[in-house]
Every structure is written in structure tokens, then in C-alpha cells.
Amino acid sequence: MRNKNIVTIGGGTGSFTLLSGLKKYPVNISAVVSMADDGGSTGVLRDELGVLPPGDVRQCLVALSDSSETLRELMNYRFDSGGLKGHTFGNLFLSALEKTSGSFAKGVEEASKLLDVKGEVIPVSEGNMRLQIKLNNGKILSGEKQLDHNEDIRSNGIKNIFLKSKIRACPKAIERIRKADFIVIGPGDLYGSILPNLLVDGMSEAIRKSKAKIIFNCNLTNKKGQTENFFLEDYVRVIEEYIGKGKIDFVTFNKKKLPEHLVKKYEEREGSGSVIKIKNQKEKRKYMIFSSDILQNKEIKINKADTNASAHSFIRHDGDKLAKVLSMIFELSDYENIIKEVI
């Protein structure tokens, strides 16, 4: 039986967590990564060197790497002083590879060889991807970094997002979606990591036309002004506005109760109702919900040298637990065929 072709769509810490667990299973992984990031080290490199954003791609490369622990730690090493303060070695490395190889995609391919990556990491586009955020009061903000630091968003809320200019998806990303058995969306910030990928020209259409089963990994918590008071159903509704109603086949959802002290700490920052719930357990739906303990138990340590540290979540998925649930979903169709043959 051939290994299944899995395409993941996302970015940031969510993709890192997912891929870290998924690489341990016999599947062909193609990680399609958002290129909208313009905050922290990535934002400085974009502005000063004119390179594409390396941060989210770096995290995915490290997650899928089978190289030594030392090399993986090196890629994530963040300088905490001097002129390089806030930068990770991996971001600088990828930016240098883009310059020497002639393109970001070629640089990522070279980095993949050096890091012994299991699968492939594909930037969703090599265009200049700049996110625009329209608020409910009509104001328009420029840049993905605004999602984490702008008080207008927290006060007024987001109406919709769009790209400053039309950019095309990488042909390889479209090709992998066309051949996929499963497309896995998230986990990750809805407006920062997931939807930007679907705004790139060709992406939503490719997913709509794909015969792949689509899985959405629902987040654990909401963000004030962005997904405030969202239920699981709201996430599905918004994503399907881009890829087509009824396209999501499966949703993974955490059923383990979050630690009270972490919930309290999170709600102090993001407001009440931050923990995502299922709105109607008895509602008839086209997608199947896999509810399980997929919560990371160990304490999340945030690097203080990270200039975006204050925006990071300290409540996260466990990559191994999530991958185990996904592996069961991947095998469902095989089991159904076996049962049909027995009958």
C-alpha cells in the first residue's frame, strides 16, 4: 500500500507543532507555508534586505528535519544581544541562501538537503505578499504584524483581510494539492497563518477542485478582536467561505480541560470566552469531529530575545497526540474498503 500524500497549509508555531508529530508516520508530507509574516526578525530582514519572509518556513524545515539535535537547535538559535539581537540564525541563513541561489524556493530546497528534511516545505508564493486588514470601523491596517500589536484590532474587530496586490501561488504548491490524498489546514491563527494562504491566487480554486479529503485542526483558544467568542462551527464557516461550503470533511478538536491557571492568564489578555467550544453537540453537519486529548501538558517556554514574545500562545497542541489522531483519519478509507470486502 502506497504512502498517502499529505499537504499541510498554515504557518508559524501551529505548523511546527503539527509537522513535528506528523513526520514520524509513513506519509509523504508537503508543507505549504504562508509568506505574509512581516513582524520581528522576519520583518526586519524583509525591509532591510528585500528578501522573502523566512521565519515560518524555518520553523517548518526544523520540524521536518531528521538532522542532529545540534543543527536543529542552531537553526532556531536567537541572538539576545548586539546588532543581531532578535534574529534567529535560521532566518539569516535562509535569507543568505535566497541571495546566493537566486530565489527563495531554491534556497529552501538547498536548506532541505542540509537539514535532511522528511518531505518538502513549499512557500505558498514567491510574490511580495503583504496583508491588509480591514476593521469593522472601516479603517485599513497594513501588515500581518498588526494582528498581534494593534489596539484598534482588539477594540474594533476585523471585518475582512486581503492582499495589497495580486500574487500567484507557487506551481509546486498547486501541483501537490492536485495530487493530495488529504489536505490538512491548521492549527494556527485564522487571520495570520491560515486565511492568507487562501488569498493567494490559485490556492482556493485548487482546493475546491481537489478530490482530497480536507481536515481542519481547530485551534484551542480565540483572539480578542479577531476570533472573539468563536465556536468551532465559526472557524469552519469562515474557512469554507474561501474553499467552498461543505468542503471540510473532518475536524480535530481538543476535549481535555485546559488548566484553570492558564485559562485565567489567557483571559486576562484576550478576554472571557477565549477557550473554543462546540456550539451545538447535536447539530447535523457534513464534517465529522474527532474529539480527543490533543493538549500539550508541559509548560511553554518563551524566548525573551524574541521581539514578538508577548504575542505567542502558551496554550498549544501536542504534536504527537495530534498526529496520532490524524493518522487514524488517514486510515479510515482503508478500513472502509476492507469492511466492504468482508461483507
Protein backbone atom coordinates (compact mmCIF):
# COMPACT_ATOMS: atom_id res chain seq x y z
CA MET A 1 0.00 0.00 0.00
CA ARG A 2 1.48 3.36 -1.05
CA ASN A 3 2.15 6.15 1.41
CA LYS A 4 -0.55 8.80 1.37
CA ASN A 5 0.18 12.28 0.05
CA ILE A 6 -0.47 14.87 2.74
CA VAL A 7 -0.50 18.62 2.11
CA THR A 8 -0.49 20.86 5.17
CA ILE A 9 -1.50 24.51 4.95
CA GLY A 10 -0.58 27.05 7.61
CA GLY A 11 2.38 28.77 9.16
CA GLY A 12 4.08 29.70 12.41
CA THR A 13 4.07 27.66 15.59
CA GLY A 14 0.95 25.74 14.60
CA SER A 15 2.65 24.20 11.57
CA PHE A 16 5.80 23.50 13.57
CA THR A 17 3.77 21.55 16.14
CA LEU A 18 1.80 19.63 13.52
CA LEU A 19 4.79 18.69 11.38
CA SER A 20 6.94 17.66 14.35
CA GLY A 21 4.46 14.90 15.07
CA LEU A 22 3.38 14.05 11.53
CA LYS A 23 6.91 13.35 10.25
CA LYS A 24 7.04 10.21 12.43
CA TYR A 25 4.41 8.50 10.26
CA PRO A 26 4.82 6.84 6.82
CA VAL A 27 3.28 9.65 4.76
CA ASN A 28 4.52 11.99 2.04
CA ILE A 29 4.40 15.49 3.52
CA SER A 30 4.23 18.73 1.54
CA ALA A 31 4.04 21.72 3.88
CA VAL A 32 2.63 24.82 2.16
CA VAL A 33 3.60 27.86 4.22
CA SER A 34 2.22 31.41 4.42
CA MET A 35 4.59 34.17 3.29
CA ALA A 36 2.69 37.07 4.85
CA ASP A 37 4.79 37.39 8.01
CA ASP A 38 6.39 40.81 8.44
CA GLY A 39 7.00 41.04 12.17
CA GLY A 40 10.05 40.54 14.40
CA SER A 41 13.26 39.26 12.83
CA THR A 42 11.45 38.32 9.63
CA GLY A 43 10.06 41.82 9.17
CA VAL A 44 13.47 43.44 9.65
CA LEU A 45 15.04 41.14 7.05
CA ARG A 46 12.23 41.80 4.57
CA ASP A 47 12.65 45.55 4.93
CA GLU A 48 16.43 45.76 5.10
CA LEU A 49 17.49 43.03 2.66
CA GLY A 50 14.47 42.85 0.36
CA VAL A 51 14.13 39.10 0.93
CA LEU A 52 11.03 36.96 1.36
CA PRO A 53 9.96 36.17 4.94
CA PRO A 54 11.99 33.22 6.26
CA GLY A 55 10.52 32.74 9.76
CA ASP A 56 7.58 30.39 9.17
CA VAL A 57 9.50 28.39 6.56
CA ARG A 58 12.40 27.99 9.01
CA GLN A 59 10.07 26.56 11.65
CA CYS A 60 8.66 24.03 9.18
CA LEU A 61 12.14 22.99 8.00
CA VAL A 62 13.26 22.40 11.58
CA ALA A 63 10.08 20.47 12.38
CA LEU A 64 10.62 18.10 9.44
CA SER A 65 14.38 17.82 9.86
CA ASP A 66 15.98 14.46 10.65
CA SER A 67 19.38 16.04 11.21
CA SER A 68 21.19 16.27 14.53
CA GLU A 69 19.63 18.00 17.52
CA THR A 70 22.57 20.42 17.47
CA LEU A 71 21.83 21.54 13.90
CA ARG A 72 18.12 21.95 14.61
CA GLU A 73 18.85 23.99 17.71
CA LEU A 74 21.26 26.11 15.68
CA MET A 75 18.54 26.93 13.15
CA ASN A 76 16.28 28.15 15.96
CA TYR A 77 19.02 29.92 17.92
CA ARG A 78 18.03 33.53 18.60
CA PHE A 79 20.66 36.17 19.32
CA ASP A 80 19.92 38.07 22.53
CA SER A 81 22.42 40.94 22.26
CA GLY A 82 24.39 43.09 19.83
CA GLY A 83 23.40 44.12 16.33
CA LEU A 84 21.80 40.73 15.65
CA LYS A 85 19.55 40.84 18.73
CA GLY A 86 16.17 39.28 17.99
CA HIS A 87 17.32 37.48 14.83
CA THR A 88 17.49 33.69 14.56
CA PHE A 89 20.42 32.04 12.86
CA GLY A 90 17.99 30.15 10.62
CA ASN A 91 16.35 33.33 9.36
CA LEU A 92 19.74 34.80 8.45
CA PHE A 93 20.77 31.51 6.85
CA LEU A 94 17.65 31.30 4.65
CA SER A 95 17.98 34.94 3.62
CA ALA A 96 21.59 34.34 2.60
CA LEU A 97 20.58 31.23 0.64
CA GLU A 98 17.93 33.24 -1.20
CA LYS A 99 20.62 35.72 -2.24
CA THR A 100 23.19 33.12 -3.30
CA SER A 101 20.79 30.71 -5.05
CA GLY A 102 18.82 33.39 -6.87
CA SER A 103 15.38 32.57 -5.48
CA PHE A 104 13.75 31.82 -2.15
CA ALA A 105 12.34 28.49 -3.35
CA LYS A 106 15.77 27.29 -4.46
CA GLY A 107 17.23 28.42 -1.15
CA VAL A 108 14.59 26.38 0.71
CA GLU A 109 15.44 23.33 -1.40
CA GLU A 110 19.13 23.67 -0.52
CA ALA A 111 18.31 24.10 3.17
CA SER A 112 16.12 20.99 3.00
CA LYS A 113 19.07 18.92 1.78
CA LEU A 114 21.38 20.23 4.52
CA LEU A 115 18.77 19.60 7.22
CA ASP A 116 17.76 16.17 5.90
CA VAL A 117 14.11 17.21 5.73
CA LYS A 118 11.50 14.46 5.59
CA GLY A 119 9.07 15.73 2.98
CA GLU A 120 9.16 19.20 1.47
CA VAL A 121 8.49 22.76 2.52
CA ILE A 122 6.87 24.99 -0.11
CA PRO A 123 6.35 28.76 0.16
CA VAL A 124 2.76 29.46 -0.89
CA SER A 125 4.08 32.17 -3.24
CA GLU A 126 7.30 33.90 -4.19
CA GLY A 127 5.44 37.16 -4.73
CA ASN A 128 5.59 40.14 -2.38
CA MET A 129 2.81 39.01 -0.05
CA ARG A 130 1.58 41.95 2.02
CA LEU A 131 -1.51 41.51 4.18
CA GLN A 132 -4.12 44.27 4.52
CA ILE A 133 -6.60 44.22 7.39
CA LYS A 134 -9.96 46.00 7.19
CA LEU A 135 -11.58 46.70 10.54
CA ASN A 136 -15.29 46.93 11.34
CA ASN A 137 -14.95 50.72 11.59
CA GLY A 138 -13.63 50.90 8.02
CA LYS A 139 -10.00 51.54 8.91
CA ILE A 140 -7.39 49.60 6.92
CA LEU A 141 -4.15 48.44 8.53
CA SER A 142 -1.08 47.24 6.63
CA GLY A 143 0.96 44.23 7.64
CA GLU A 144 0.44 40.86 9.30
CA LYS A 145 2.38 42.14 12.33
CA GLN A 146 -0.58 44.40 13.16
CA LEU A 147 -2.57 41.33 14.24
CA ASP A 148 -0.53 40.95 17.39
CA HIS A 149 0.14 44.52 18.41
CA ASN A 150 -2.56 46.89 17.19
CA GLU A 151 -5.10 48.05 19.77
CA ASP A 152 -7.51 49.13 17.02
CA ILE A 153 -7.97 45.47 16.12
CA ARG A 154 -8.66 44.49 19.71
CA SER A 155 -11.16 47.35 20.11
CA ASN A 156 -12.98 47.31 16.76
CA GLY A 157 -12.52 43.80 15.37
CA ILE A 158 -11.67 42.56 11.89
CA LYS A 159 -14.17 42.74 9.03
CA ASN A 160 -12.00 41.03 6.45
CA ILE A 161 -8.44 40.70 5.14
CA PHE A 162 -6.97 40.94 1.64
CA LEU A 163 -3.61 41.17 -0.10
CA LYS A 164 -2.15 44.52 -1.16
CA SER A 165 -1.51 43.17 -4.64
CA LYS A 166 -2.44 40.04 -6.52
CA ILE A 167 0.19 37.31 -6.29
CA ARG A 168 0.24 33.83 -7.79
CA ALA A 169 0.69 30.59 -5.92
CA CYS A 170 3.87 28.57 -6.42
CA PRO A 171 3.18 25.99 -9.16
CA LYS A 172 4.57 23.25 -6.91
CA ALA A 173 2.01 24.08 -4.20
CA ILE A 174 -0.85 23.77 -6.71
CA GLU A 175 0.55 20.52 -8.09
CA ARG A 176 0.85 18.96 -4.62
CA ILE A 177 -2.73 19.94 -3.78
CA ARG A 178 -3.91 18.36 -7.03
CA LYS A 179 -2.24 15.05 -6.12
CA ALA A 180 -3.07 15.10 -2.40
CA ASP A 181 -5.00 12.40 -0.61
CA PHE A 182 -5.53 14.69 2.39
CA ILE A 183 -5.25 18.43 2.87
CA VAL A 184 -4.64 19.43 6.49
CA ILE A 185 -5.46 23.03 7.43
CA GLY A 186 -4.12 24.50 10.69
CA PRO A 187 -3.74 24.73 13.58
CA GLY A 188 -2.72 28.39 13.58
CA ASP A 189 -4.01 31.94 13.79
CA LEU A 190 -7.01 32.22 11.48
CA TYR A 191 -6.11 35.64 10.06
CA GLY A 192 -2.34 35.33 10.40
CA SER A 193 -1.47 31.77 9.36
CA ILE A 194 -4.45 30.13 7.64
CA LEU A 195 -6.50 32.57 5.56
CA PRO A 196 -3.52 34.40 3.99
CA ASN A 197 -2.68 31.16 2.15
CA LEU A 198 -6.20 31.03 0.73
CA LEU A 199 -5.96 34.62 -0.56
CA VAL A 200 -3.09 33.73 -2.91
CA ASP A 201 -4.29 33.44 -6.50
CA GLY A 202 -4.93 29.81 -7.42
CA MET A 203 -4.93 28.32 -3.92
CA SER A 204 -8.64 28.33 -3.07
CA GLU A 205 -9.55 27.18 -6.56
CA ALA A 206 -7.08 24.29 -6.36
CA ILE A 207 -8.51 23.16 -3.03
CA ARG A 208 -12.08 23.40 -4.34
CA LYS A 209 -11.18 21.23 -7.33
CA SER A 210 -9.13 18.74 -5.33
CA LYS A 211 -10.51 15.27 -4.65
CA ALA A 212 -8.56 15.14 -1.39
CA LYS A 213 -10.28 14.79 1.95
CA ILE A 214 -9.90 18.01 3.94
CA ILE A 215 -9.09 18.11 7.64
CA PHE A 216 -9.21 21.22 9.80
CA ASN A 217 -7.29 21.21 13.08
CA CYS A 218 -9.33 23.55 15.24
CA ASN A 219 -7.43 25.98 17.47
CA LEU A 220 -7.56 25.81 21.26
CA THR A 221 -8.18 29.49 22.00
CA ASN A 222 -9.61 32.64 20.45
CA LYS A 223 -8.02 36.06 19.98
CA LYS A 224 -9.61 39.33 21.02
CA GLY A 225 -10.79 41.39 18.05
CA GLN A 226 -10.09 38.54 15.64
CA THR A 227 -11.93 35.37 16.59
CA GLU A 228 -13.56 36.70 19.75
CA ASN A 229 -16.23 34.30 21.06
CA PHE A 230 -15.80 31.98 18.06
CA PHE A 231 -17.07 28.42 18.31
CA LEU A 232 -15.67 25.51 16.29
CA GLU A 233 -18.51 25.99 13.82
CA ASP A 234 -17.48 29.61 13.20
CA TYR A 235 -13.96 28.58 12.18
CA VAL A 236 -15.34 26.03 9.73
CA ARG A 237 -17.79 28.58 8.30
CA VAL A 238 -15.09 31.22 7.69
CA ILE A 239 -12.64 28.80 6.06
CA GLU A 240 -15.35 27.36 3.83
CA GLU A 241 -16.16 30.88 2.61
CA TYR A 242 -12.83 30.59 0.78
CA ILE A 243 -12.66 26.92 -0.22
CA GLY A 244 -16.35 26.14 -0.71
CA LYS A 245 -19.21 25.23 1.58
CA GLY A 246 -19.19 21.60 2.68
CA LYS A 247 -15.56 21.02 1.64
CA ILE A 248 -14.24 20.21 5.12
CA ASP A 249 -14.61 16.50 5.87
CA PHE A 250 -13.03 16.16 9.32
CA VAL A 251 -12.25 18.43 12.26
CA THR A 252 -9.91 17.62 15.14
CA PHE A 253 -10.86 19.18 18.46
CA ASN A 254 -9.33 19.11 21.92
CA LYS A 255 -11.63 17.65 24.57
CA LYS A 256 -9.23 17.84 27.52
CA LYS A 257 -9.99 20.59 30.00
CA LEU A 258 -7.41 23.36 29.93
CA PRO A 259 -5.60 24.12 33.22
CA GLU A 260 -7.53 26.77 35.15
CA HIS A 261 -4.46 28.92 35.87
CA LEU A 262 -3.58 29.07 32.17
CA VAL A 263 -7.16 29.88 31.17
CA LYS A 264 -7.25 32.69 33.72
CA LYS A 265 -3.92 34.04 32.47
CA TYR A 266 -5.07 33.83 28.86
CA GLU A 267 -8.43 35.50 29.53
CA GLU A 268 -6.64 38.39 31.25
CA ARG A 269 -5.01 39.03 27.87
CA GLU A 270 -7.71 38.00 25.40
CA GLY A 271 -10.96 38.40 27.36
CA SER A 272 -13.61 35.95 28.55
CA GLY A 273 -14.78 33.20 26.24
CA SER A 274 -11.29 32.62 24.91
CA VAL A 275 -11.46 28.82 25.10
CA ILE A 276 -13.02 27.42 21.93
CA LYS A 277 -16.06 25.17 22.32
CA ILE A 278 -18.50 23.29 20.10
CA LYS A 279 -21.66 25.36 19.83
CA ASN A 280 -24.12 22.55 19.26
CA GLN A 281 -23.11 18.96 20.01
CA LYS A 282 -26.28 17.56 18.41
CA GLU A 283 -26.23 19.61 15.22
CA LYS A 284 -26.21 17.66 11.98
CA ARG A 285 -23.11 18.55 9.98
CA LYS A 286 -21.30 17.37 6.87
CA TYR A 287 -17.99 17.06 8.66
CA MET A 288 -17.00 14.56 11.34
CA ILE A 289 -15.49 15.88 14.58
CA PHE A 290 -12.69 13.86 16.18
CA SER A 291 -12.67 14.99 19.80
CA SER A 292 -9.62 13.86 21.77
CA ASP A 293 -6.93 14.93 24.22
CA ILE A 294 -4.50 16.76 21.94
CA LEU A 295 -3.32 19.30 24.52
CA GLN A 296 0.34 19.86 25.31
CA ASN A 297 0.88 19.26 29.01
CA LYS A 298 4.36 20.67 29.53
CA GLU A 299 4.87 24.35 30.23
CA ILE A 300 5.59 26.54 27.20
CA LYS A 301 8.85 28.47 27.48
CA ILE A 302 9.03 31.70 25.51
CA ASN A 303 12.45 33.03 24.46
CA LYS A 304 12.76 36.56 25.88
CA ALA A 305 15.03 37.53 22.99
CA ASP A 306 12.07 37.06 20.64
CA THR A 307 10.77 40.56 19.89
CA ASN A 308 7.30 39.10 19.34
CA ALA A 309 7.30 37.02 22.54
CA SER A 310 4.34 38.77 24.13
CA ALA A 311 2.02 37.62 21.34
CA HIS A 312 2.87 33.92 21.49
CA SER A 313 0.36 31.45 22.88
CA PHE A 314 1.24 29.49 25.99
CA ILE A 315 -1.62 27.02 25.40
CA ARG A 316 -0.73 24.72 22.50
CA HIS A 317 -1.42 21.41 20.78
CA ASP A 318 0.75 18.38 21.42
CA GLY A 319 2.25 17.43 18.07
CA ASP A 320 2.46 13.71 18.79
CA LYS A 321 -1.11 13.48 20.08
CA LEU A 322 -2.45 15.46 17.12
CA ALA A 323 -0.51 13.37 14.59
CA LYS A 324 -1.86 10.16 16.14
CA VAL A 325 -5.45 11.33 15.63
CA LEU A 326 -4.66 12.39 12.06
CA SER A 327 -3.08 9.03 11.29
CA MET A 328 -6.35 7.36 12.29
CA ILE A 329 -8.27 9.65 9.93
CA PHE A 330 -5.81 8.88 7.11
CA GLU A 331 -6.53 5.17 7.53
CA LEU A 332 -10.32 5.45 7.72
CA SER A 333 -10.87 4.98 3.99
CA ASP A 334 -8.65 1.89 4.01
CA TYR A 335 -10.70 0.35 6.82
CA GLU A 336 -13.94 1.16 5.00
CA ASN A 337 -12.70 -0.67 1.90
CA ILE A 338 -11.66 -3.70 3.95
CA ILE A 339 -15.06 -3.87 5.65
CA LYS A 340 -16.84 -3.67 2.30
CA GLU A 341 -14.78 -6.58 1.02
CA VAL A 342 -15.60 -8.68 4.10
CA ILE A 343 -19.32 -8.00 3.70
